[in-house]
């Protein structure tokens, strides 16, 4: 995948996460992009028939935020200004600084959606603790990315 495809996948998946409401669930479409599964009468049967589980959502979200972290660290290392600072940052004139700002904004919105996903699974302690771990990771990424710019 090229850089634009990777970023578009990140942006699309984070936008879907931002739209999650209580009762919504997630699944991956054929292009490996997140899709909302809004509540409907036979949702459980549909998810069972297609082998979609809440563990899949945890796996997908964990992978998404791990991939974002790897990508952003690579961008950072490729673009840091080590000459003008005791703590290297991406120079303000670098267009990739905008990538950091966009990702940070989208992650912040996605965190709210993941919180709503926790409401969907409120009776499942294990899933809720996994989702909280993902929220904590996303929050940590935002904090760390802000330092880099």
Protein backbone atom coordinates (compact mmCIF):
# COMPACT_ATOMS: atom_id res chain seq x y z
CA UNK A 1 0.00 0.00 0.00
CA UNK A 2 1.17 3.51 -0.68
CA UNK A 3 1.20 6.34 1.86
CA UNK A 4 -2.09 7.87 0.67
CA UNK A 5 -3.93 4.55 0.86
CA UNK A 6 -2.62 3.90 4.36
CA UNK A 7 -3.64 7.37 5.54
CA UNK A 8 -7.06 7.10 3.92
CA UNK A 9 -7.63 3.76 5.66
CA UNK A 10 -6.66 5.31 8.99
CA UNK A 11 -8.89 8.34 8.38
CA UNK A 12 -11.87 6.26 7.23
CA UNK A 13 -11.61 3.82 10.13
CA UNK A 14 -11.22 6.60 12.71
CA UNK A 15 -14.21 8.43 11.19
CA UNK A 16 -16.32 5.27 11.54
CA UNK A 17 -15.25 4.92 15.18
CA UNK A 18 -16.26 8.53 15.82
CA UNK A 19 -19.81 7.73 14.62
CA UNK A 20 -20.40 4.80 17.00
CA UNK A 21 -23.45 5.18 19.19
CA UNK A 22 -24.69 3.02 22.06
CA UNK A 23 -25.97 -0.23 20.51
CA UNK A 24 -23.74 -0.09 17.44
CA UNK A 25 -21.23 -2.81 16.72
CA UNK A 26 -18.39 -3.10 14.21
CA UNK A 27 -17.35 -5.35 11.37
CA UNK A 28 -14.81 -5.27 8.55
CA UNK A 29 -16.00 -5.01 4.98
CA UNK A 30 -14.38 -6.75 2.01
CA UNK A 31 -11.88 -3.86 1.69
CA UNK A 32 -10.80 -4.30 5.32
CA UNK A 33 -12.45 -1.04 6.39
CA UNK A 34 -14.52 -0.71 9.53
CA UNK A 35 -18.28 -0.51 9.12
CA UNK A 36 -20.98 0.23 11.66
CA UNK A 37 -23.44 -2.50 12.44
CA UNK A 38 -26.47 -0.60 13.69
CA UNK A 39 -28.90 -2.47 15.91
CA UNK A 40 -31.68 -4.33 14.14
CA UNK A 41 -33.96 -7.20 15.06
CA UNK A 42 -31.86 -10.04 13.68
CA UNK A 43 -28.43 -8.49 14.25
CA UNK A 44 -27.30 -11.34 16.51
CA UNK A 45 -28.30 -13.99 13.98
CA UNK A 46 -26.68 -12.07 11.11
CA UNK A 47 -23.43 -11.69 13.08
CA UNK A 48 -23.50 -15.37 14.06
CA UNK A 49 -24.05 -16.54 10.47
CA UNK A 50 -21.15 -14.44 9.22
CA UNK A 51 -18.89 -15.35 12.14
CA UNK A 52 -18.56 -11.77 13.45
CA UNK A 53 -17.88 -11.47 17.16
CA UNK A 54 -16.99 -8.79 19.69
CA UNK A 55 -13.52 -10.33 19.92
CA UNK A 56 -13.10 -9.40 16.26
CA UNK A 57 -13.84 -5.76 17.13
CA UNK A 58 -11.19 -5.82 19.88
CA UNK A 59 -8.66 -7.33 17.49
CA UNK A 60 -9.49 -4.81 14.76
CA UNK A 61 -9.21 -1.82 17.10
CA UNK A 62 -5.99 -3.05 18.68
CA UNK A 63 -4.44 -3.55 15.25
CA UNK A 64 -5.66 -0.16 14.02
CA UNK A 65 -4.05 1.77 16.88
CA UNK A 66 -0.87 -0.30 16.72
CA UNK A 67 -0.62 0.40 12.98
CA UNK A 68 -1.21 4.11 13.54
CA UNK A 69 1.52 4.19 16.18
CA UNK A 70 4.01 2.43 13.91
CA UNK A 71 3.18 4.70 10.97
CA UNK A 72 3.36 7.91 12.99
CA UNK A 73 6.66 6.93 14.58
CA UNK A 74 8.08 6.28 11.12
CA UNK A 75 6.86 9.69 9.90
CA UNK A 76 8.34 11.32 12.98
CA UNK A 77 11.74 9.65 12.61
CA UNK A 78 11.86 10.54 8.93
CA UNK A 79 11.09 14.23 9.55
CA UNK A 80 12.52 15.32 12.90
CA UNK A 81 14.61 18.43 13.21
CA UNK A 82 17.49 17.39 15.45
CA UNK A 83 19.54 20.53 14.89
CA UNK A 84 17.28 23.21 16.35
CA UNK A 85 15.95 21.71 19.55
CA UNK A 86 16.95 19.82 22.64
CA UNK A 87 13.81 17.77 22.08
CA UNK A 88 13.51 16.97 18.37
CA UNK A 89 10.22 17.91 16.73
CA UNK A 90 8.81 17.86 13.23
CA UNK A 91 9.49 21.33 11.80
CA UNK A 92 6.42 23.56 11.44
CA UNK A 93 7.23 24.05 7.76
CA UNK A 94 6.99 20.28 7.13
CA UNK A 95 3.70 19.31 5.44
CA UNK A 96 3.64 16.01 7.36
CA UNK A 97 3.00 17.97 10.54
CA UNK A 98 -0.56 18.28 9.21
CA UNK A 99 -0.81 14.48 9.22
CA UNK A 100 -0.10 14.48 12.95
CA UNK A 101 -2.72 17.14 13.61
CA UNK A 102 -5.35 15.33 11.51
CA UNK A 103 -4.64 11.97 13.16
CA UNK A 104 -4.78 13.54 16.63
CA UNK A 105 -8.12 15.18 15.87
CA UNK A 106 -9.59 11.96 14.46
CA UNK A 107 -8.28 9.83 17.35
CA UNK A 108 -9.87 12.21 19.87
CA UNK A 109 -13.23 11.81 18.14
CA UNK A 110 -12.76 8.03 17.85
CA UNK A 111 -12.13 7.75 21.59
CA UNK A 112 -15.67 9.01 22.23
CA UNK A 113 -17.06 6.41 19.84
CA UNK A 114 -15.12 3.60 21.51
CA UNK A 115 -16.61 4.81 24.80
CA UNK A 116 -20.03 4.32 23.21
CA UNK A 117 -18.99 0.83 22.10
CA UNK A 118 -18.24 0.12 25.77
CA UNK A 119 -21.88 1.01 26.48
CA UNK A 120 -22.98 -1.54 23.87
CA UNK A 121 -21.01 -4.24 25.69
CA UNK A 122 -21.59 -2.96 29.23
CA UNK A 123 -22.61 -6.41 30.51
CA UNK A 124 -19.35 -8.00 29.31
CA UNK A 125 -16.58 -7.08 31.76
CA UNK A 126 -13.79 -8.58 29.67
CA UNK A 127 -14.79 -6.72 26.51
CA UNK A 128 -15.23 -3.47 28.44
CA UNK A 129 -11.79 -3.80 30.02
CA UNK A 130 -10.26 -4.48 26.58
CA UNK A 131 -12.05 -1.46 25.15
CA UNK A 132 -10.79 0.66 28.05
CA UNK A 133 -7.26 -0.55 27.31
CA UNK A 134 -7.73 0.58 23.71
CA UNK A 135 -9.05 3.98 24.89
CA UNK A 136 -6.01 4.33 27.17
CA UNK A 137 -3.68 3.47 24.28
CA UNK A 138 -5.40 5.96 21.96
CA UNK A 139 -5.19 8.68 24.62
CA UNK A 140 -1.51 7.92 25.12
CA UNK A 141 -0.91 8.16 21.37
CA UNK A 142 -2.55 11.58 21.26
CA UNK A 143 -0.42 12.78 24.18
CA UNK A 144 2.79 11.45 22.59
CA UNK A 145 1.98 12.77 19.10
CA UNK A 146 1.32 16.26 20.52
CA UNK A 147 4.85 16.29 21.96
CA UNK A 148 6.32 15.43 18.56
CA UNK A 149 4.94 18.49 16.78
